[in-house]
C-alpha atoms as a PDB file:
ATOM      1  CA  MET A   1      -0.105   0.007   0.032  1.00  0.00           C
ATOM      2  CA  THR A   2       1.468   3.643  -1.058  1.00  0.00           C
ATOM      3  CA  ALA A   3       1.861   5.908   1.802  1.00  0.00           C
ATOM      4  CA  PRO A   4      -0.309   9.166   1.405  1.00  0.00           C
ATOM      5  CA  SER A   5       1.846  12.472   0.663  1.00  0.00           C
ATOM      6  CA  ARG A   6       3.419  14.450   3.332  1.00  0.00           C
ATOM      7  CA  ILE A   7       1.124  16.965   5.163  1.00  0.00           C
ATOM      8  CA  VAL A   8       3.356  19.641   7.169  1.00  0.00           C
ATOM      9  CA  LEU A   9       0.556  21.614   9.517  1.00  0.00           C
ATOM     10  CA  PRO A  10       2.211  23.668  11.914  1.00  0.00           C
ATOM     11  CA  GLU A  11       1.981  22.017  15.788  1.00  0.00           C
ATOM     12  CA  GLN A  12       0.758  23.852  18.861  1.00  0.00           C
ATOM     13  CA  LEU A  13       3.860  23.053  21.155  1.00  0.00           C
ATOM     14  CA  ASP A  14       5.712  25.018  18.415  1.00  0.00           C
ATOM     15  CA  GLU A  15       3.556  28.222  18.612  1.00  0.00           C
ATOM     16  CA  LEU A  16       3.235  28.431  22.529  1.00  0.00           C
ATOM     17  CA  PRO A  17       5.233  30.734  23.831  1.00  0.00           C
ATOM     18  CA  PRO A  18       7.706  28.478  26.520  1.00  0.00           C
ATOM     19  CA  SER A  19       6.444  29.256  29.877  1.00  0.00           C
ATOM     20  CA  ASP A  20       3.035  28.293  28.824  1.00  0.00           C
ATOM     21  CA  PRO A  21       1.588  25.567  31.568  1.00  0.00           C
ATOM     22  CA  ARG A  22       0.580  23.564  28.049  1.00  0.00           C
ATOM     23  CA  ALA A  23       3.519  24.096  26.363  1.00  0.00           C
ATOM     24  CA  CYS A  24       5.757  22.825  30.074  1.00  0.00           C
ATOM     25  CA  ARG A  25       3.269  19.430  29.785  1.00  0.00           C
ATOM     26  CA  SER A  26       3.717  18.642  26.598  1.00  0.00           C
ATOM     27  CA  ARG A  27       7.610  18.691  26.749  1.00  0.00           C
ATOM     28  CA  ARG A  28       6.920  16.467  29.619  1.00  0.00           C
ATOM     29  CA  ASP A  29       4.536  14.879  27.555  1.00  0.00           C
ATOM     30  CA  LEU A  30       7.380  14.208  25.177  1.00  0.00           C
ATOM     31  CA  GLN A  31       9.844  12.168  27.369  1.00  0.00           C
ATOM     32  CA  ARG A  32       6.687   9.457  27.726  1.00  0.00           C
ATOM     33  CA  VAL A  33       6.293   9.480  24.455  1.00  0.00           C
ATOM     34  CA  HIS A  34      10.094   9.142  23.412  1.00  0.00           C
ATOM     35  CA  ARG A  35      10.072   5.685  25.964  1.00  0.00           C
ATOM     36  CA  ALA A  36       6.881   4.686  24.019  1.00  0.00           C
ATOM     37  CA  MET A  37       8.353   5.257  20.452  1.00  0.00           C
ATOM     38  CA  GLY A  38      11.536   3.047  22.059  1.00  0.00           C
ATOM     39  CA  SER A  39      13.426   6.631  20.564  1.00  0.00           C
ATOM     40  CA  LEU A  40      17.100   5.105  23.329  1.00  0.00           C
ATOM     41  CA  SER A  41      17.130   2.205  21.930  1.00  0.00           C
ATOM     42  CA  ILE A  42      16.433   3.596  18.610  1.00  0.00           C
ATOM     43  CA  LEU A  43      19.479   5.975  18.856  1.00  0.00           C
ATOM     44  CA  LYS A  44      21.913   3.332  20.717  1.00  0.00           C
ATOM     45  CA  PHE A  45      21.027   0.729  17.292  1.00  0.00           C
ATOM     46  CA  ALA A  46      21.748   3.583  14.731  1.00  0.00           C
ATOM     47  CA  ILE A  47      25.142   4.226  16.866  1.00  0.00           C
ATOM     48  CA  THR A  48      26.209   0.773  16.556  1.00  0.00           C
ATOM     49  CA  ARG A  49      25.204   0.729  13.068  1.00  0.00           C
ATOM     50  CA  LEU A  50      27.404   3.906  12.228  1.00  0.00           C
ATOM     51  CA  LYS A  51      30.645   2.141  13.147  1.00  0.00           C
ATOM     52  CA  LEU A  52      32.328   5.013  13.813  1.00  0.00           C
ATOM     53  CA  ALA A  53      35.938   4.578  13.922  1.00  0.00           C
ATOM     54  CA  ALA A  54      36.423   6.525  17.165  1.00  0.00           C
ATOM     55  CA  PRO A  55      33.719   7.370  19.798  1.00  0.00           C
ATOM     56  CA  PRO A  56      32.513  11.126  19.011  1.00  0.00           C
ATOM     57  CA  ARG A  57      34.202  14.030  20.989  1.00  0.00           C
ATOM     58  CA  ARG A  58      31.602  16.453  19.553  1.00  0.00           C
ATOM     59  CA  ILE A  59      28.212  16.762  19.174  1.00  0.00           C
ATOM     60  CA  LEU A  60      25.425  18.526  17.822  1.00  0.00           C
ATOM     61  CA  GLU A  61      21.670  18.364  18.488  1.00  0.00           C
ATOM     62  CA  LEU A  62      18.975  20.096  16.183  1.00  0.00           C
ATOM     63  CA  GLY A  63      15.855  21.027  18.221  1.00  0.00           C
ATOM     64  CA  ALA A  64      16.802  19.560  21.488  1.00  0.00           C
ATOM     65  CA  GLY A  65      14.408  21.036  23.505  1.00  0.00           C
ATOM     66  CA  ASP A  66      14.833  20.050  27.001  1.00  0.00           C
ATOM     67  CA  GLY A  67      17.660  18.140  26.399  1.00  0.00           C
ATOM     68  CA  THR A  68      16.356  14.922  28.170  1.00  0.00           C
ATOM     69  CA  LEU A  69      16.400  12.209  25.318  1.00  0.00           C
ATOM     70  CA  VAL A  70      20.583  12.513  24.913  1.00  0.00           C
ATOM     71  CA  LEU A  71      21.239  12.634  28.658  1.00  0.00           C
ATOM     72  CA  ARG A  72      19.710   8.769  28.667  1.00  0.00           C
ATOM     73  CA  LEU A  73      21.496   7.795  26.162  1.00  0.00           C
ATOM     74  CA  ALA A  74      24.998   9.482  27.667  1.00  0.00           C
ATOM     75  CA  GLN A  75      23.648   8.017  31.189  1.00  0.00           C
ATOM     76  CA  THR A  76      23.212   4.249  29.563  1.00  0.00           C
ATOM     77  CA  ILE A  77      25.579   4.415  26.850  1.00  0.00           C
ATOM     78  CA  LYS A  78      28.637   1.757  27.687  1.00  0.00           C
ATOM     79  CA  PRO A  79      31.512   2.057  27.646  1.00  0.00           C
ATOM     80  CA  ARG A  80      30.775   5.704  28.211  1.00  0.00           C
ATOM     81  CA  TRP A  81      32.071   8.363  26.287  1.00  0.00           C
ATOM     82  CA  PRO A  82      34.632  10.615  27.791  1.00  0.00           C
ATOM     83  CA  GLU A  83      34.768  14.378  27.512  1.00  0.00           C
ATOM     84  CA  VAL A  84      32.134  15.133  24.906  1.00  0.00           C
ATOM     85  CA  GLU A  85      31.270  18.545  23.722  1.00  0.00           C
ATOM     86  CA  LEU A  86      27.767  18.628  23.016  1.00  0.00           C
ATOM     87  CA  THR A  87      25.909  21.478  21.823  1.00  0.00           C
ATOM     88  CA  ILE A  88      22.239  22.219  21.729  1.00  0.00           C
ATOM     89  CA  LEU A  89      20.499  24.008  19.305  1.00  0.00           C
ATOM     90  CA  ASP A  90      17.220  25.224  19.531  1.00  0.00           C
ATOM     91  CA  ARG A  91      14.532  28.382  19.218  1.00  0.00           C
ATOM     92  CA  HIS A  92      14.776  28.491  23.140  1.00  0.00           C
ATOM     93  CA  ASP A  93      16.673  27.444  25.896  1.00  0.00           C
ATOM     94  CA  LEU A  94      14.387  24.777  27.775  1.00  0.00           C
ATOM     95  CA  VAL A  95      17.503  22.557  29.551  1.00  0.00           C
ATOM     96  CA  SER A  96      17.039  23.051  33.198  1.00  0.00           C
ATOM     97  CA  SER A  97      19.853  23.057  36.009  1.00  0.00           C
ATOM     98  CA  GLN A  98      19.021  19.988  36.920  1.00  0.00           C
ATOM     99  CA  THR A  99      19.380  18.896  32.873  1.00  0.00           C
ATOM    100  CA  ARG A 100      22.538  20.654  32.421  1.00  0.00           C
ATOM    101  CA  GLU A 101      24.330  19.305  36.597  1.00  0.00           C
ATOM    102  CA  ALA A 102      23.682  15.994  35.480  1.00  0.00           C
ATOM    103  CA  TYR A 103      25.885  16.757  31.882  1.00  0.00           C
ATOM    104  CA  LYS A 104      28.311  17.976  33.703  1.00  0.00           C
ATOM    105  CA  ALA A 105      28.482  15.143  36.531  1.00  0.00           C
ATOM    106  CA  LEU A 106      29.053  12.753  33.257  1.00  0.00           C
ATOM    107  CA  GLY A 107      32.299  14.831  32.480  1.00  0.00           C
ATOM    108  CA  TRP A 108      30.226  16.286  29.306  1.00  0.00           C
ATOM    109  CA  HIS A 109      30.284  20.153  28.554  1.00  0.00           C
ATOM    110  CA  LEU A 110      27.090  21.644  27.027  1.00  0.00           C
ATOM    111  CA  THR A 111      26.916  24.651  25.085  1.00  0.00           C
ATOM    112  CA  ILE A 112      22.881  25.944  24.476  1.00  0.00           C
ATOM    113  CA  LEU A 113      23.038  27.687  20.977  1.00  0.00           C
ATOM    114  CA  ARG A 114      19.525  29.680  20.598  1.00  0.00           C
ATOM    115  CA  GLU A 115      19.035  29.793  16.936  1.00  0.00           C
ATOM    116  CA  ASP A 116      16.773  28.820  14.174  1.00  0.00           C
ATOM    117  CA  VAL A 117      18.001  26.201  12.852  1.00  0.00           C
ATOM    118  CA  LEU A 118      17.511  27.306   9.025  1.00  0.00           C
ATOM    119  CA  ASP A 119      19.590  30.638  10.433  1.00  0.00           C
ATOM    120  CA  TRP A 120      22.302  28.121  11.223  1.00  0.00           C
ATOM    121  CA  ALA A 121      21.606  26.317   8.059  1.00  0.00           C
ATOM    122  CA  ALA A 122      21.899  29.723   6.038  1.00  0.00           C
ATOM    123  CA  GLY A 123      25.337  30.680   8.102  1.00  0.00           C
ATOM    124  CA  GLU A 124      29.352  29.750   7.876  1.00  0.00           C
ATOM    125  CA  ASN A 125      29.171  27.700  11.029  1.00  0.00           C
ATOM    126  CA  PRO A 126      32.777  27.720  12.695  1.00  0.00           C
ATOM    127  CA  GLY A 127      33.688  24.238  13.844  1.00  0.00           C
ATOM    128  CA  HIS A 128      32.917  20.664  13.333  1.00  0.00           C
ATOM    129  CA  PHE A 129      30.604  17.945  14.573  1.00  0.00           C
ATOM    130  CA  ASP A 130      31.732  14.362  14.445  1.00  0.00           C
ATOM    131  CA  LEU A 131      27.830  13.192  14.875  1.00  0.00           C
ATOM    132  CA  CYS A 132      24.535  15.469  14.681  1.00  0.00           C
ATOM    133  CA  ILE A 133      21.364  14.015  16.596  1.00  0.00           C
ATOM    134  CA  THR A 134      17.718  14.664  16.020  1.00  0.00           C
ATOM    135  CA  CYS A 135      14.801  13.194  17.199  1.00  0.00           C
ATOM    136  CA  LEU A 136      11.404  14.183  16.069  1.00  0.00           C
ATOM    137  CA  PHE A 137      12.456  16.945  14.027  1.00  0.00           C
ATOM    138  CA  LEU A 138      13.038  17.119  10.409  1.00  0.00           C
ATOM    139  CA  HIS A 139       9.029  16.521  10.392  1.00  0.00           C
ATOM    140  CA  HIS A 140       8.552  20.042  11.382  1.00  0.00           C
ATOM    141  CA  PHE A 141       9.800  21.518   7.422  1.00  0.00           C
ATOM    142  CA  GLU A 142       7.953  20.917   4.575  1.00  0.00           C
ATOM    143  CA  THR A 143      10.166  18.866   1.729  1.00  0.00           C
ATOM    144  CA  GLU A 144      11.528  21.573  -0.357  1.00  0.00           C
ATOM    145  CA  THR A 145      12.817  23.536   2.634  1.00  0.00           C
ATOM    146  CA  LEU A 146      14.909  20.099   3.943  1.00  0.00           C
ATOM    147  CA  PRO A 147      17.608  19.897   1.132  1.00  0.00           C
ATOM    148  CA  THR A 148      18.540  23.400   2.570  1.00  0.00           C
ATOM    149  CA  LEU A 149      18.919  21.715   6.054  1.00  0.00           C
ATOM    150  CA  MET A 150      20.308  18.699   4.989  1.00  0.00           C
ATOM    151  CA  ARG A 151      23.181  20.560   3.003  1.00  0.00           C
ATOM    152  CA  ALA A 152      24.188  21.908   6.444  1.00  0.00           C
ATOM    153  CA  ILE A 153      24.606  19.263   8.124  1.00  0.00           C
ATOM    154  CA  ALA A 154      26.549  17.741   5.754  1.00  0.00           C
ATOM    155  CA  ARG A 155      28.946  20.546   5.891  1.00  0.00           C
ATOM    156  CA  ASN A 156      29.212  20.736   9.359  1.00  0.00           C
ATOM    157  CA  ALA A 157      29.404  17.107  11.015  1.00  0.00           C
ATOM    158  CA  ASP A 158      30.967  13.513   9.849  1.00  0.00           C
ATOM    159  CA  ALA A 159      27.911  11.468  11.068  1.00  0.00           C
ATOM    160  CA  LEU A 160      23.877  11.919  11.109  1.00  0.00           C
ATOM    161  CA  ILE A 161      21.215  10.380  13.059  1.00  0.00           C
ATOM    162  CA  ALA A 162      17.260  11.165  12.218  1.00  0.00           C
ATOM    163  CA  CYS A 163      14.436   9.722  14.312  1.00  0.00           C
ATOM    164  CA  GLU A 164      11.430  10.578  12.757  1.00  0.00           C
ATOM    165  CA  PRO A 165       8.016   9.813  12.758  1.00  0.00           C
ATOM    166  CA  ARG A 166       7.105   6.880  10.375  1.00  0.00           C
ATOM    167  CA  ARG A 167       4.083   7.625   8.361  1.00  0.00           C
ATOM    168  CA  ASN A 168       1.895   4.644   8.016  1.00  0.00           C
ATOM    169  CA  VAL A 169      -0.780   2.878   9.223  1.00  0.00           C
ATOM    170  CA  LEU A 170       0.521   1.866  12.326  1.00  0.00           C
ATOM    171  CA  ALA A 171       1.865   4.850  13.777  1.00  0.00           C
ATOM    172  CA  ARG A 172      -1.239   6.686  13.100  1.00  0.00           C
ATOM    173  CA  VAL A 173      -2.915   4.684  15.057  1.00  0.00           C
ATOM    174  CA  GLY A 174      -0.565   5.079  17.844  1.00  0.00           C
ATOM    175  CA  SER A 175      -1.045   8.902  17.420  1.00  0.00           C
ATOM    176  CA  GLN A 176      -4.655   8.573  18.274  1.00  0.00           C
ATOM    177  CA  LEU A 177      -3.989   6.656  21.216  1.00  0.00           C
ATOM    178  CA  ILE A 178      -1.312   8.844  22.572  1.00  0.00           C
ATOM    179  CA  GLY A 179      -3.907  10.212  25.330  1.00  0.00           C
ATOM    180  CA  LEU A 180      -3.756   6.682  26.932  1.00  0.00           C
ATOM    181  CA  LEU A 181      -0.161   7.830  27.871  1.00  0.00           C
ATOM    182  CA  GLY A 182      -1.804  10.700  29.828  1.00  0.00           C
ATOM    183  CA  THR A 183      -1.053  12.937  27.769  1.00  0.00           C
ATOM    184  CA  ASN A 184      -2.810  16.648  27.565  1.00  0.00           C
ATOM    185  CA  ARG A 185      -4.941  18.021  23.933  1.00  0.00           C
ATOM    186  CA  VAL A 186      -1.586  19.497  22.449  1.00  0.00           C
ATOM    187  CA  THR A 187       0.317  16.625  22.682  1.00  0.00           C
ATOM    188  CA  ARG A 188      -2.630  14.559  20.950  1.00  0.00           C
ATOM    189  CA  GLU A 189      -3.168  17.362  18.858  1.00  0.00           C
ATOM    190  CA  ASP A 190       0.508  17.121  17.515  1.00  0.00           C
ATOM    191  CA  ALA A 191       1.246  14.108  17.570  1.00  0.00           C
ATOM    192  CA  VAL A 192      -1.372  13.291  14.947  1.00  0.00           C
ATOM    193  CA  LYS A 193       0.069  16.361  12.601  1.00  0.00           C
ATOM    194  CA  SER A 194       3.515  14.901  13.072  1.00  0.00           C
ATOM    195  CA  VAL A 195       2.730  11.383  11.663  1.00  0.00           C
ATOM    196  CA  ASP A 196       1.080  13.118   8.470  1.00  0.00           C
ATOM    197  CA  ALA A 197       4.427  14.830   7.990  1.00  0.00           C
ATOM    198  CA  GLY A 198       6.354  11.788   8.784  1.00  0.00           C
ATOM    199  CA  PHE A 199       8.274   9.918   6.553  1.00  0.00           C
ATOM    200  CA  THR A 200       8.288   6.435   4.698  1.00  0.00           C
ATOM    201  CA  ALA A 201      10.726   4.575   2.376  1.00  0.00           C
ATOM    202  CA  GLY A 202      13.446   6.322   1.066  1.00  0.00           C
ATOM    203  CA  GLU A 203      12.766   9.877   1.148  1.00  0.00           C
ATOM    204  CA  LEU A 204      15.421  11.204   3.455  1.00  0.00           C
ATOM    205  CA  THR A 205      17.912   9.630   1.517  1.00  0.00           C
ATOM    206  CA  ALA A 206      16.539  11.207  -1.919  1.00  0.00           C
ATOM    207  CA  LEU A 207      16.639  14.924  -0.055  1.00  0.00           C
ATOM    208  CA  TRP A 208      20.419  14.224   1.376  1.00  0.00           C
ATOM    209  CA  PRO A 209      23.155  15.787  -0.765  1.00  0.00           C
ATOM    210  CA  PHE A 210      24.429  12.016  -1.581  1.00  0.00           C
ATOM    211  CA  GLU A 211      28.084  11.722  -2.418  1.00  0.00           C
ATOM    212  CA  ALA A 212      29.996   8.784  -2.761  1.00  0.00           C
ATOM    213  CA  ALA A 213      31.852   9.456   0.124  1.00  0.00           C
ATOM    214  CA  TRP A 214      29.163   8.935   2.588  1.00  0.00           C
ATOM    215  CA  ASP A 215      27.333   5.571   3.238  1.00  0.00           C
ATOM    216  CA  CYS A 216      23.051   6.284   4.172  1.00  0.00           C
ATOM    217  CA  GLU A 217      20.388   4.170   5.470  1.00  0.00           C
ATOM    218  CA  GLU A 218      17.024   4.355   6.142  1.00  0.00           C
ATOM    219  CA  HIS A 219      14.572   2.165   8.179  1.00  0.00           C
ATOM    220  CA  ALA A 220      11.951   1.298   9.507  1.00  0.00           C
ATOM    221  CA  ALA A 221      12.500   1.164  13.393  1.00  0.00           C
ATOM    222  CA  LEU A 222       9.140  -0.268  15.568  1.00  0.00           C
ATOM    223  CA  PRO A 223       7.114   0.690  16.885  1.00  0.00           C
ATOM    224  CA  PHE A 224       6.338   4.039  15.139  1.00  0.00           C
ATOM    225  CA  THR A 225       9.765   5.362  14.490  1.00  0.00           C
ATOM    226  CA  HIS A 226      11.531   6.324  10.765  1.00  0.00           C
ATOM    227  CA  CYS A 227      15.216   5.917  11.435  1.00  0.00           C
ATOM    228  CA  PHE A 228      17.802   7.863   8.891  1.00  0.00           C
ATOM    229  CA  THR A 229      21.668   7.935   9.306  1.00  0.00           C
ATOM    230  CA  ALA A 230      24.537   9.068   7.295  1.00  0.00           C
ATOM    231  CA  VAL A 231      28.300   9.147   7.635  1.00  0.00           C
ATOM    232  CA  LEU A 232      31.227   9.409   6.056  1.00  0.00           C
ATOM    233  CA  HIS A 233      33.309   6.749   4.938  1.00  0.00           C
ATOM    234  CA  SER A 234      35.995   8.329   6.063  1.00  0.00           C
ATOM    235  CA  ALA A 235      34.681   8.282   9.589  1.00  0.00           C
ATOM    236  CA  ARG A 236      34.185   4.723   9.699  1.00  0.00           C
ATOM    237  CA  ARG A 237      36.598   2.330  11.399  1.00  0.00           C
ATOM    238  CA  GLY A 238      38.730   0.313   8.960  1.00  0.00           C
ATOM    239  CA  SER A 239      38.636   3.328   6.526  1.00  0.00           C
ATOM    240  CA  PRO A 240      42.105   3.641   4.928  1.00  0.00           C
ATOM    241  CA  LEU A 241      41.913   7.562   5.480  1.00  0.00           C
ATOM    242  CA  LYS A 242      41.847   6.923   9.187  1.00  0.00           C
END
């Protein structure tokens, strides 16, 4: 069965002021949504599939929200990644003091970059990242806009992991039942929009500035996630350039 075309609509959480009680509740809801989607396990599996030649020392997370998903990754990954420089790019600084302290306790150095991601993509950004991570973020953008963002990621990072809603019947049903997790109205309505704007088949690979130097993989990650990874050949184990 052919998946319906993407429909990208504004999501309420993006429109609400960060301090709005409905937005605060919805961000807490998203922590439960990530657990229901198995996002942490999907991220860890994707990292093993990248086969990086060395643990990443500089990581960029796009659209990170409260920063707790990558914190959970940092706390559980073994062997631990030491002295990581993590940059979180988001329009708002939503990272709590508790989360900052938790990163510090792990020996990670956290930088918050408050910027619209498309402004970041259009700029000449200093520095370079070993790994870029983005979860439930790319689906916010129209298909025509995504190549600009993809090119910026390819310029600024050696590898990418993107976990997005899977646009299929199972995910659609899951989005309609998300209220069973105790989520508020904002989260319930945004969940359905997210699936309609999600991805399937090779859609993200087709938007990547594909060159022979990159390995790209795209697959469904049950129950509701669509996973896309891209990594430079030179960043992988066994590369003759390492």
